[in-house]
């Protein structure tokens, strides 16, 4: 995380703010630190999801897809092969 920071105003429900206050007290961290960490983690996770969606859309445009019924057939065949190996 960068040493530089910017201010963002966030509205929280009273319940969430109370829980944040409690977490800050219990962890001996500031509310700002905890909020920044939470937002950073959320943004990172969401950016990965958006990137995956874009890759999926590119796959569709390029024709790199498998019809649902074919995918299900392959899945069932893989399950059967796995069951035979165990049994």
N, C-alpha and C. Protein backbone atom coordinates (compact mmCIF):
# COMPACT_ATOMS: atom_id res chain seq x y z
N UNK A 1 0.84 -1.17 0.00
CA UNK A 1 0.00 0.00 0.00
C UNK A 1 0.89 1.23 0.00
N UNK A 2 0.55 2.21 -0.79
CA UNK A 2 1.33 3.44 -0.91
C UNK A 2 1.31 4.23 0.40
N UNK A 3 2.37 4.99 0.60
CA UNK A 3 2.42 5.84 1.81
C UNK A 3 1.58 7.09 1.62
N UNK A 4 1.29 7.45 0.38
CA UNK A 4 0.42 8.59 0.12
C UNK A 4 -1.02 8.12 0.21
N UNK A 5 -1.89 9.04 0.60
CA UNK A 5 -3.29 8.67 0.69
C UNK A 5 -4.17 9.85 0.32
N UNK A 6 -5.41 9.54 0.02
CA UNK A 6 -6.42 10.55 -0.27
C UNK A 6 -7.62 10.28 0.60
N UNK A 7 -8.41 11.31 0.81
CA UNK A 7 -9.58 11.20 1.66
C UNK A 7 -10.81 10.87 0.84
N UNK A 8 -11.60 9.93 1.34
CA UNK A 8 -12.88 9.55 0.74
C UNK A 8 -13.90 9.54 1.87
N UNK A 9 -15.06 10.08 1.61
CA UNK A 9 -16.13 10.06 2.60
C UNK A 9 -17.05 8.89 2.30
N UNK A 10 -17.35 8.12 3.33
CA UNK A 10 -18.20 6.94 3.17
C UNK A 10 -19.34 7.01 4.18
N UNK A 11 -20.54 6.73 3.74
CA UNK A 11 -21.68 6.68 4.64
C UNK A 11 -21.90 5.23 5.08
N UNK A 12 -22.03 5.05 6.38
CA UNK A 12 -22.26 3.72 6.95
C UNK A 12 -23.53 3.74 7.77
N UNK A 13 -24.15 2.58 7.86
CA UNK A 13 -25.29 2.46 8.76
C UNK A 13 -24.76 2.59 10.19
N UNK A 14 -25.61 3.00 11.12
CA UNK A 14 -25.16 3.08 12.51
C UNK A 14 -24.63 1.75 13.04
N UNK A 15 -25.24 0.65 12.62
CA UNK A 15 -24.80 -0.67 13.07
C UNK A 15 -23.39 -0.98 12.56
N UNK A 16 -23.14 -0.70 11.28
CA UNK A 16 -21.81 -0.97 10.72
C UNK A 16 -20.77 -0.07 11.37
N UNK A 17 -21.10 1.18 11.59
CA UNK A 17 -20.16 2.09 12.24
C UNK A 17 -19.83 1.62 13.65
N UNK A 18 -20.83 1.16 14.39
CA UNK A 18 -20.60 0.65 15.74
C UNK A 18 -19.69 -0.57 15.70
N UNK A 19 -19.90 -1.44 14.73
CA UNK A 19 -19.06 -2.64 14.60
C UNK A 19 -17.64 -2.26 14.21
N UNK A 20 -17.51 -1.25 13.35
CA UNK A 20 -16.19 -0.77 12.96
C UNK A 20 -15.47 -0.17 14.17
N UNK A 21 -16.20 0.61 14.95
CA UNK A 21 -15.63 1.17 16.18
C UNK A 21 -15.11 0.05 17.09
N UNK A 22 -15.91 -0.97 17.27
CA UNK A 22 -15.54 -2.09 18.13
C UNK A 22 -14.32 -2.83 17.57
N UNK A 23 -14.32 -3.06 16.27
CA UNK A 23 -13.18 -3.75 15.65
C UNK A 23 -11.91 -2.92 15.80
N UNK A 24 -12.02 -1.62 15.60
CA UNK A 24 -10.86 -0.74 15.76
C UNK A 24 -10.32 -0.82 17.18
N UNK A 25 -11.21 -0.80 18.14
CA UNK A 25 -10.79 -0.89 19.55
C UNK A 25 -10.12 -2.22 19.83
N UNK A 26 -10.75 -3.30 19.38
CA UNK A 26 -10.23 -4.64 19.68
C UNK A 26 -8.91 -4.93 18.98
N UNK A 27 -8.71 -4.36 17.80
CA UNK A 27 -7.49 -4.64 17.04
C UNK A 27 -6.42 -3.56 17.22
N UNK A 28 -6.79 -2.51 17.95
CA UNK A 28 -5.89 -1.37 18.16
C UNK A 28 -5.43 -0.76 16.85
N UNK A 29 -6.36 -0.70 15.92
CA UNK A 29 -6.15 -0.05 14.61
C UNK A 29 -7.11 1.11 14.52
N UNK A 30 -6.80 2.05 13.63
CA UNK A 30 -7.74 3.15 13.44
C UNK A 30 -8.87 2.70 12.52
N UNK A 31 -9.99 3.38 12.65
CA UNK A 31 -11.11 3.08 11.75
C UNK A 31 -10.69 3.35 10.30
N UNK A 32 -9.91 4.40 10.10
CA UNK A 32 -9.45 4.72 8.75
C UNK A 32 -8.59 3.61 8.17
N UNK A 33 -7.70 3.06 8.99
CA UNK A 33 -6.86 1.96 8.53
C UNK A 33 -7.72 0.77 8.12
N UNK A 34 -8.66 0.38 8.99
CA UNK A 34 -9.51 -0.77 8.72
C UNK A 34 -10.37 -0.54 7.47
N UNK A 35 -10.92 0.65 7.34
CA UNK A 35 -11.75 0.96 6.18
C UNK A 35 -10.93 0.93 4.90
N UNK A 36 -9.72 1.50 4.95
CA UNK A 36 -8.86 1.51 3.77
C UNK A 36 -8.49 0.09 3.35
N UNK A 37 -8.17 -0.76 4.33
CA UNK A 37 -7.85 -2.16 4.03
C UNK A 37 -9.04 -2.88 3.41
N UNK A 38 -10.21 -2.65 3.99
CA UNK A 38 -11.42 -3.31 3.47
C UNK A 38 -11.73 -2.86 2.05
N UNK A 39 -11.63 -1.58 1.81
CA UNK A 39 -11.92 -1.06 0.47
C UNK A 39 -10.88 -1.57 -0.53
N UNK A 40 -9.61 -1.56 -0.13
CA UNK A 40 -8.56 -2.05 -1.01
C UNK A 40 -8.79 -3.52 -1.39
N UNK A 41 -9.11 -4.36 -0.40
CA UNK A 41 -9.38 -5.77 -0.66
C UNK A 41 -10.58 -5.94 -1.58
N UNK A 42 -11.64 -5.16 -1.32
CA UNK A 42 -12.85 -5.24 -2.13
C UNK A 42 -12.55 -4.85 -3.58
N UNK A 43 -11.85 -3.74 -3.76
CA UNK A 43 -11.55 -3.27 -5.12
C UNK A 43 -10.70 -4.30 -5.85
N UNK A 44 -9.70 -4.86 -5.19
CA UNK A 44 -8.85 -5.87 -5.82
C UNK A 44 -9.68 -7.08 -6.27
N UNK A 45 -10.54 -7.56 -5.39
CA UNK A 45 -11.38 -8.72 -5.72
C UNK A 45 -12.33 -8.40 -6.87
N UNK A 46 -12.97 -7.25 -6.83
CA UNK A 46 -13.91 -6.88 -7.88
C UNK A 46 -13.21 -6.67 -9.22
N UNK A 47 -12.00 -6.11 -9.20
CA UNK A 47 -11.25 -5.92 -10.44
C UNK A 47 -10.92 -7.27 -11.09
N UNK A 48 -10.61 -8.26 -10.26
CA UNK A 48 -10.35 -9.60 -10.80
C UNK A 48 -11.61 -10.19 -11.42
N UNK A 49 -12.75 -9.95 -10.79
CA UNK A 49 -14.02 -10.45 -11.33
C UNK A 49 -14.32 -9.78 -12.66
N UNK A 50 -14.15 -8.46 -12.73
CA UNK A 50 -14.41 -7.72 -13.97
C UNK A 50 -13.47 -8.21 -15.08
N UNK A 51 -12.19 -8.42 -14.74
CA UNK A 51 -11.23 -8.92 -15.73
C UNK A 51 -11.66 -10.29 -16.25
N UNK A 52 -12.13 -11.16 -15.35
CA UNK A 52 -12.57 -12.49 -15.76
C UNK A 52 -13.79 -12.40 -16.68
N UNK A 53 -14.69 -11.48 -16.38
CA UNK A 53 -15.86 -11.29 -17.24
C UNK A 53 -15.42 -10.86 -18.63
N UNK A 54 -14.47 -9.92 -18.69
CA UNK A 54 -13.97 -9.46 -19.99
C UNK A 54 -13.30 -10.60 -20.76
N UNK A 55 -12.53 -11.46 -20.04
CA UNK A 55 -11.93 -12.61 -20.71
C UNK A 55 -13.00 -13.55 -21.24
N UNK A 56 -14.06 -13.75 -20.47
CA UNK A 56 -15.15 -14.60 -20.91
C UNK A 56 -15.85 -14.05 -22.13
N UNK A 57 -16.08 -12.74 -22.14
CA UNK A 57 -16.71 -12.11 -23.30
C UNK A 57 -15.82 -12.22 -24.53
N UNK A 58 -14.51 -12.08 -24.34
CA UNK A 58 -13.58 -12.25 -25.46
C UNK A 58 -13.62 -13.68 -25.98
N UNK A 59 -13.72 -14.65 -25.06
CA UNK A 59 -13.83 -16.05 -25.48
C UNK A 59 -15.09 -16.27 -26.30
N UNK A 60 -16.18 -15.67 -25.89
CA UNK A 60 -17.43 -15.81 -26.64
C UNK A 60 -17.26 -15.22 -28.04
N UNK A 61 -16.69 -14.01 -28.11
CA UNK A 61 -16.51 -13.36 -29.42
C UNK A 61 -15.59 -14.18 -30.32
N UNK A 62 -14.59 -14.86 -29.74
CA UNK A 62 -13.63 -15.64 -30.52
C UNK A 62 -14.13 -17.05 -30.80
N UNK A 63 -15.30 -17.41 -30.26
CA UNK A 63 -15.84 -18.74 -30.49
C UNK A 63 -15.22 -19.82 -29.62
N UNK A 64 -14.55 -19.42 -28.54
CA UNK A 64 -13.93 -20.39 -27.64
C UNK A 64 -14.92 -20.77 -26.53
N UNK A 65 -16.01 -21.40 -26.94
CA UNK A 65 -17.04 -21.81 -25.98
C UNK A 65 -17.44 -23.25 -26.24
N UNK A 66 -18.09 -23.83 -25.26
CA UNK A 66 -18.62 -25.19 -25.37
C UNK A 66 -20.10 -25.11 -25.05
N UNK A 67 -20.95 -25.67 -25.89
CA UNK A 67 -22.39 -25.65 -25.58
C UNK A 67 -22.68 -26.33 -24.25
N UNK A 68 -23.72 -25.88 -23.59
CA UNK A 68 -24.06 -26.37 -22.25
C UNK A 68 -24.22 -27.89 -22.23
N UNK A 69 -24.95 -28.44 -23.18
CA UNK A 69 -25.19 -29.89 -23.17
C UNK A 69 -23.88 -30.67 -23.33
N UNK A 70 -22.95 -30.17 -24.13
CA UNK A 70 -21.65 -30.83 -24.30
C UNK A 70 -20.86 -30.74 -23.00
N UNK A 71 -20.88 -29.59 -22.35
CA UNK A 71 -20.17 -29.42 -21.09
C UNK A 71 -20.71 -30.39 -20.03
N UNK A 72 -22.03 -30.54 -19.98
CA UNK A 72 -22.65 -31.44 -19.00
C UNK A 72 -22.25 -32.88 -19.30
N UNK A 73 -22.25 -33.26 -20.57
CA UNK A 73 -21.83 -34.62 -20.94
C UNK A 73 -20.39 -34.88 -20.49
N UNK A 74 -19.51 -33.91 -20.73
CA UNK A 74 -18.11 -34.05 -20.33
C UNK A 74 -17.98 -34.16 -18.81
N UNK A 75 -18.76 -33.38 -18.11
CA UNK A 75 -18.74 -33.40 -16.65
C UNK A 75 -19.18 -34.77 -16.13
N UNK A 76 -20.28 -35.28 -16.66
CA UNK A 76 -20.76 -36.60 -16.23
C UNK A 76 -19.74 -37.69 -16.55
N UNK A 77 -19.10 -37.60 -17.70
CA UNK A 77 -18.09 -38.61 -18.07
C UNK A 77 -16.90 -38.54 -17.10
N UNK A 78 -16.49 -37.34 -16.73
CA UNK A 78 -15.37 -37.19 -15.79
C UNK A 78 -15.74 -37.74 -14.42
N UNK A 79 -16.97 -37.53 -14.00
CA UNK A 79 -17.44 -38.06 -12.71
C UNK A 79 -17.43 -39.59 -12.75
N UNK A 80 -17.90 -40.15 -13.84
CA UNK A 80 -17.91 -41.62 -13.98
C UNK A 80 -16.49 -42.18 -13.93
N UNK A 81 -15.56 -41.53 -14.66
CA UNK A 81 -14.16 -42.01 -14.66
C UNK A 81 -13.60 -41.93 -13.24
N UNK A 82 -13.87 -40.89 -12.53
CA UNK A 82 -13.40 -40.76 -11.16
C UNK A 82 -13.98 -41.81 -10.25
N UNK A 83 -15.26 -42.12 -10.43
CA UNK A 83 -15.91 -43.13 -9.60
C UNK A 83 -15.33 -44.51 -9.87
N UNK A 84 -15.01 -44.79 -11.13
CA UNK A 84 -14.44 -46.10 -11.48
C UNK A 84 -13.04 -46.27 -10.91
N UNK A 85 -12.27 -45.17 -10.86
CA UNK A 85 -10.92 -45.23 -10.31
C UNK A 85 -10.96 -45.52 -8.80
N UNK A 86 -11.96 -44.99 -8.13
CA UNK A 86 -12.07 -45.19 -6.68
C UNK A 86 -12.68 -46.54 -6.32
N UNK A 87 -13.53 -47.02 -7.19
CA UNK A 87 -14.28 -48.23 -6.84
C UNK A 87 -13.76 -49.41 -7.49
